[in-house]
Amino acid sequence: MSDVYSQQSVEELEEKIEEIKTALDNAKQADLAKALSNQLTELRTALAKKRAA
């Protein structure tokens, strides 16, 4: 066990794990939102080019 966490209770450790899991989920959602936004921009650009042609 890491010395950093050895003095924390089981409850404190479980709470910290949940906090990190939530932060990780939020980061994944942010990455997905950015990727979808980029894809949407590319699709809109392609559509505009086809309409202008």
C-alpha atoms as a PDB file:
ATOM      1  CA  MET A   1       0.000   0.000   0.000  1.00  0.00           C
ATOM      2  CA  SER A   2       1.256   3.453  -0.837  1.00  0.00           C
ATOM      3  CA  ASP A   3       2.377   5.497   2.166  1.00  0.00           C
ATOM      4  CA  VAL A   4       0.363   8.435   0.845  1.00  0.00           C
ATOM      5  CA  TYR A   5      -2.911   6.592   1.431  1.00  0.00           C
ATOM      6  CA  SER A   6      -2.003   4.307   4.341  1.00  0.00           C
ATOM      7  CA  GLN A   7      -3.498   6.648   6.950  1.00  0.00           C
ATOM      8  CA  GLN A   8      -6.848   7.060   5.197  1.00  0.00           C
ATOM      9  CA  SER A   9      -9.914   5.042   6.127  1.00  0.00           C
ATOM     10  CA  VAL A  10     -11.597   2.583   3.789  1.00  0.00           C
ATOM     11  CA  GLU A  11     -14.440   5.076   3.354  1.00  0.00           C
ATOM     12  CA  GLU A  12     -12.047   7.884   2.451  1.00  0.00           C
ATOM     13  CA  LEU A  13     -10.291   5.698  -0.087  1.00  0.00           C
ATOM     14  CA  GLU A  14     -13.579   4.549  -1.627  1.00  0.00           C
ATOM     15  CA  GLU A  15     -14.754   8.165  -1.859  1.00  0.00           C
ATOM     16  CA  LYS A  16     -11.516   9.224  -3.557  1.00  0.00           C
ATOM     17  CA  ILE A  17     -11.832   6.341  -6.042  1.00  0.00           C
ATOM     18  CA  GLU A  18     -15.370   7.452  -6.931  1.00  0.00           C
ATOM     19  CA  GLU A  19     -14.209  11.069  -7.351  1.00  0.00           C
ATOM     20  CA  ILE A  20     -11.458   9.973  -9.732  1.00  0.00           C
ATOM     21  CA  LYS A  21     -13.811   7.690 -11.683  1.00  0.00           C
ATOM     22  CA  THR A  22     -16.264  10.580 -12.090  1.00  0.00           C
ATOM     23  CA  ALA A  23     -13.488  12.923 -13.210  1.00  0.00           C
ATOM     24  CA  LEU A  24     -12.302  10.294 -15.698  1.00  0.00           C
ATOM     25  CA  ASP A  25     -15.825   9.831 -17.076  1.00  0.00           C
ATOM     26  CA  ASN A  26     -16.165  13.606 -17.450  1.00  0.00           C
ATOM     27  CA  ALA A  27     -12.836  13.790 -19.278  1.00  0.00           C
ATOM     28  CA  LYS A  28     -13.922  11.025 -21.654  1.00  0.00           C
ATOM     29  CA  GLN A  29     -17.205  12.837 -22.281  1.00  0.00           C
ATOM     30  CA  ALA A  30     -15.328  16.070 -22.985  1.00  0.00           C
ATOM     31  CA  ASP A  31     -13.045  14.257 -25.442  1.00  0.00           C
ATOM     32  CA  LEU A  32     -16.062  12.691 -27.144  1.00  0.00           C
ATOM     33  CA  ALA A  33     -17.851  16.041 -27.339  1.00  0.00           C
ATOM     34  CA  LYS A  34     -14.767  17.632 -28.920  1.00  0.00           C
ATOM     35  CA  ALA A  35     -14.449  14.815 -31.456  1.00  0.00           C
ATOM     36  CA  LEU A  36     -18.141  15.033 -32.365  1.00  0.00           C
ATOM     37  CA  SER A  37     -17.931  18.808 -32.677  1.00  0.00           C
ATOM     38  CA  ASN A  38     -14.946  18.479 -35.013  1.00  0.00           C
ATOM     39  CA  GLN A  39     -16.791  15.888 -37.101  1.00  0.00           C
ATOM     40  CA  LEU A  40     -19.853  18.136 -37.282  1.00  0.00           C
ATOM     41  CA  THR A  41     -17.706  21.028 -38.497  1.00  0.00           C
ATOM     42  CA  GLU A  42     -16.150  18.808 -41.187  1.00  0.00           C
ATOM     43  CA  LEU A  43     -19.576  17.609 -42.345  1.00  0.00           C
ATOM     44  CA  ARG A  44     -20.949  21.152 -42.492  1.00  0.00           C
ATOM     45  CA  THR A  45     -17.912  22.263 -44.495  1.00  0.00           C
ATOM     46  CA  ALA A  46     -18.324  19.358 -46.935  1.00  0.00           C
ATOM     47  CA  LEU A  47     -22.030  20.154 -47.337  1.00  0.00           C
ATOM     48  CA  ALA A  48     -21.330  23.832 -47.965  1.00  0.00           C
ATOM     49  CA  LYS A  49     -18.740  22.936 -50.629  1.00  0.00           C
ATOM     50  CA  LYS A  50     -21.178  20.596 -52.399  1.00  0.00           C
ATOM     51  CA  ARG A  51     -23.931  23.211 -52.343  1.00  0.00           C
ATOM     52  CA  ALA A  52     -21.572  25.848 -53.733  1.00  0.00           C
ATOM     53  CA  ALA A  53     -20.370  23.576 -56.544  1.00  0.00           C
END
